[in-house]
């Protein structure tokens, strides 16, 4: 199984949490085949909004969600 990673972000109610305010307006950066390329995309997206404390981007390890017993 590929080690798929999803990078997305959006406005959060608390910068220390993951409660996204408007799920309809999430910025889906993309799907990536490895962590290295996902991290590069995450850094780029996060850097664009570095001055906005309410914007947050994350990397989700989809392979861990699809096959949690494989870890």
N, C-alpha and C. Protein backbone atom coordinates (compact mmCIF):
# COMPACT_ATOMS: atom_id res chain seq x y z
N UNK A 1 0.84 -1.18 0.00
CA UNK A 1 0.00 0.00 0.00
C UNK A 1 0.88 1.25 0.00
N UNK A 2 0.49 2.22 -0.79
CA UNK A 2 1.20 3.49 -0.82
C UNK A 2 1.04 4.21 0.51
N UNK A 3 2.04 4.98 0.86
CA UNK A 3 1.97 5.76 2.10
C UNK A 3 1.45 7.15 1.76
N UNK A 4 0.15 7.21 1.46
CA UNK A 4 -0.48 8.45 1.05
C UNK A 4 -0.56 9.47 2.18
N UNK A 5 -0.34 10.73 1.80
CA UNK A 5 -0.43 11.84 2.75
C UNK A 5 -1.30 12.93 2.14
N UNK A 6 -2.19 13.48 2.95
CA UNK A 6 -3.07 14.57 2.53
C UNK A 6 -2.62 15.84 3.23
N UNK A 7 -2.50 16.92 2.48
CA UNK A 7 -2.17 18.23 3.05
C UNK A 7 -3.35 19.15 2.82
N UNK A 8 -3.85 19.74 3.91
CA UNK A 8 -4.94 20.70 3.79
C UNK A 8 -4.85 21.70 4.93
N UNK A 9 -5.62 22.76 4.81
CA UNK A 9 -5.62 23.78 5.86
C UNK A 9 -6.86 24.62 5.80
N UNK A 10 -6.96 25.48 6.78
CA UNK A 10 -8.10 26.38 6.85
C UNK A 10 -8.08 27.18 8.13
N UNK A 11 -9.09 27.97 8.31
CA UNK A 11 -9.20 28.81 9.50
C UNK A 11 -9.65 27.96 10.69
N UNK A 12 -8.96 28.13 11.82
CA UNK A 12 -9.29 27.40 13.05
C UNK A 12 -9.79 28.36 14.12
N UNK A 13 -10.60 27.85 15.04
CA UNK A 13 -11.12 28.70 16.11
C UNK A 13 -10.06 28.96 17.18
N UNK A 14 -9.12 28.05 17.34
CA UNK A 14 -8.04 28.19 18.31
C UNK A 14 -6.74 27.75 17.63
N UNK A 15 -5.75 28.63 17.54
CA UNK A 15 -4.51 28.29 16.83
C UNK A 15 -3.78 27.06 17.40
N UNK A 16 -4.09 26.67 18.61
CA UNK A 16 -3.44 25.50 19.20
C UNK A 16 -4.24 24.22 18.98
N UNK A 17 -5.40 24.35 18.35
CA UNK A 17 -6.25 23.18 18.13
C UNK A 17 -6.46 22.88 16.66
N UNK A 18 -7.37 21.94 16.42
CA UNK A 18 -7.68 21.52 15.05
C UNK A 18 -9.17 21.65 14.74
N UNK A 19 -9.83 22.58 15.39
CA UNK A 19 -11.25 22.80 15.15
C UNK A 19 -11.40 23.80 14.00
N UNK A 20 -11.56 23.26 12.79
CA UNK A 20 -11.67 24.11 11.61
C UNK A 20 -13.05 24.78 11.59
N UNK A 21 -13.04 26.08 11.37
CA UNK A 21 -14.25 26.90 11.46
C UNK A 21 -15.23 26.63 10.32
N UNK A 22 -14.74 26.58 9.08
CA UNK A 22 -15.61 26.45 7.92
C UNK A 22 -15.11 25.31 7.03
N UNK A 23 -15.69 24.14 7.20
CA UNK A 23 -15.25 22.97 6.45
C UNK A 23 -15.49 23.09 4.96
N UNK A 24 -16.41 23.96 4.56
CA UNK A 24 -16.68 24.15 3.14
C UNK A 24 -15.58 24.96 2.44
N UNK A 25 -14.76 25.63 3.22
CA UNK A 25 -13.71 26.46 2.64
C UNK A 25 -12.31 25.99 2.99
N UNK A 26 -12.13 24.70 3.21
CA UNK A 26 -10.80 24.16 3.45
C UNK A 26 -9.97 24.27 2.17
N UNK A 27 -8.70 24.54 2.34
CA UNK A 27 -7.77 24.59 1.22
C UNK A 27 -7.09 23.23 1.12
N UNK A 28 -7.52 22.41 0.17
CA UNK A 28 -6.92 21.09 -0.03
C UNK A 28 -5.72 21.28 -0.95
N UNK A 29 -4.53 21.15 -0.38
CA UNK A 29 -3.30 21.35 -1.13
C UNK A 29 -3.06 20.16 -2.06
N UNK A 30 -3.30 18.94 -1.55
CA UNK A 30 -3.16 17.78 -2.41
C UNK A 30 -2.82 16.50 -1.68
N UNK A 31 -2.71 15.43 -2.46
CA UNK A 31 -2.31 14.11 -1.98
C UNK A 31 -0.88 13.86 -2.43
N UNK A 32 -0.08 13.24 -1.56
CA UNK A 32 1.33 13.04 -1.85
C UNK A 32 1.74 11.61 -1.52
N UNK A 33 2.67 11.05 -2.29
CA UNK A 33 3.04 9.64 -2.14
C UNK A 33 4.02 9.37 -1.00
N UNK A 34 4.59 10.42 -0.42
CA UNK A 34 5.54 10.22 0.69
C UNK A 34 5.54 11.45 1.59
N UNK A 35 6.06 11.26 2.79
CA UNK A 35 6.03 12.35 3.76
C UNK A 35 6.90 13.52 3.32
N UNK A 36 8.01 13.25 2.70
CA UNK A 36 8.92 14.32 2.28
C UNK A 36 8.24 15.31 1.34
N UNK A 37 7.54 14.82 0.34
CA UNK A 37 6.86 15.72 -0.59
C UNK A 37 5.65 16.39 0.08
N UNK A 38 4.98 15.70 0.98
CA UNK A 38 3.86 16.29 1.71
C UNK A 38 4.35 17.41 2.62
N UNK A 39 5.47 17.17 3.27
CA UNK A 39 6.02 18.20 4.16
C UNK A 39 6.43 19.45 3.37
N UNK A 40 7.00 19.25 2.20
CA UNK A 40 7.39 20.38 1.35
C UNK A 40 6.16 21.21 0.97
N UNK A 41 5.08 20.54 0.59
CA UNK A 41 3.84 21.24 0.24
C UNK A 41 3.24 21.93 1.45
N UNK A 42 3.29 21.27 2.61
CA UNK A 42 2.78 21.85 3.85
C UNK A 42 3.55 23.11 4.21
N UNK A 43 4.87 23.06 4.14
CA UNK A 43 5.70 24.23 4.45
C UNK A 43 5.37 25.40 3.52
N UNK A 44 5.21 25.11 2.26
CA UNK A 44 4.89 26.15 1.29
C UNK A 44 3.54 26.80 1.60
N UNK A 45 2.53 25.99 1.86
CA UNK A 45 1.19 26.51 2.16
C UNK A 45 1.18 27.28 3.48
N UNK A 46 1.83 26.74 4.49
CA UNK A 46 1.88 27.40 5.80
C UNK A 46 2.63 28.72 5.71
N UNK A 47 3.68 28.77 4.92
CA UNK A 47 4.47 30.00 4.78
C UNK A 47 3.65 31.13 4.16
N UNK A 48 2.75 30.78 3.25
CA UNK A 48 1.91 31.81 2.60
C UNK A 48 0.99 32.51 3.61
N UNK A 49 0.66 31.83 4.70
CA UNK A 49 -0.28 32.39 5.68
C UNK A 49 0.38 32.59 7.04
N UNK A 50 1.69 32.72 7.07
CA UNK A 50 2.43 32.80 8.33
C UNK A 50 1.98 33.96 9.23
N UNK A 51 1.48 35.03 8.65
CA UNK A 51 1.07 36.19 9.44
C UNK A 51 -0.37 36.09 9.94
N UNK A 52 -1.08 35.04 9.59
CA UNK A 52 -2.47 34.85 10.01
C UNK A 52 -2.54 33.70 11.01
N UNK A 53 -2.60 34.04 12.29
CA UNK A 53 -2.56 33.03 13.36
C UNK A 53 -3.74 32.06 13.33
N UNK A 54 -4.82 32.44 12.66
CA UNK A 54 -6.00 31.58 12.63
C UNK A 54 -6.00 30.61 11.45
N UNK A 55 -4.98 30.66 10.62
CA UNK A 55 -4.86 29.71 9.50
C UNK A 55 -3.89 28.61 9.89
N UNK A 56 -4.29 27.38 9.62
CA UNK A 56 -3.45 26.24 9.98
C UNK A 56 -3.48 25.21 8.87
N UNK A 57 -2.32 24.66 8.57
CA UNK A 57 -2.19 23.58 7.59
C UNK A 57 -1.68 22.34 8.30
N UNK A 58 -2.13 21.17 7.85
CA UNK A 58 -1.75 19.91 8.49
C UNK A 58 -1.43 18.85 7.42
N UNK A 59 -0.66 17.87 7.86
CA UNK A 59 -0.38 16.69 7.04
C UNK A 59 -1.09 15.52 7.71
N UNK A 60 -1.92 14.82 6.95
CA UNK A 60 -2.65 13.65 7.46
C UNK A 60 -2.07 12.41 6.81
N UNK A 61 -1.71 11.43 7.63
CA UNK A 61 -1.16 10.17 7.13
C UNK A 61 -2.33 9.24 6.78
N UNK A 62 -2.77 9.29 5.53
CA UNK A 62 -3.94 8.52 5.12
C UNK A 62 -3.72 7.01 5.23
N UNK A 63 -2.51 6.56 5.01
CA UNK A 63 -2.23 5.13 5.09
C UNK A 63 -2.48 4.61 6.50
N UNK A 64 -2.30 5.44 7.51
CA UNK A 64 -2.56 5.02 8.89
C UNK A 64 -4.06 4.90 9.16
N UNK A 65 -4.85 5.70 8.45
CA UNK A 65 -6.30 5.62 8.61
C UNK A 65 -6.88 4.43 7.84
N UNK A 66 -6.27 4.13 6.69
CA UNK A 66 -6.80 3.06 5.85
C UNK A 66 -6.45 1.67 6.38
N UNK A 67 -5.28 1.54 6.99
CA UNK A 67 -4.83 0.26 7.55
C UNK A 67 -4.15 0.49 8.90
N UNK A 68 -4.92 0.82 9.94
CA UNK A 68 -4.30 1.12 11.23
C UNK A 68 -3.53 -0.06 11.85
N UNK A 69 -3.92 -1.26 11.53
CA UNK A 69 -3.24 -2.44 12.10
C UNK A 69 -1.88 -2.68 11.46
N UNK A 70 -1.59 -2.03 10.34
CA UNK A 70 -0.33 -2.24 9.65
C UNK A 70 0.84 -1.53 10.32
N UNK A 71 0.56 -0.60 11.21
CA UNK A 71 1.63 0.18 11.86
C UNK A 71 2.28 -0.57 12.97
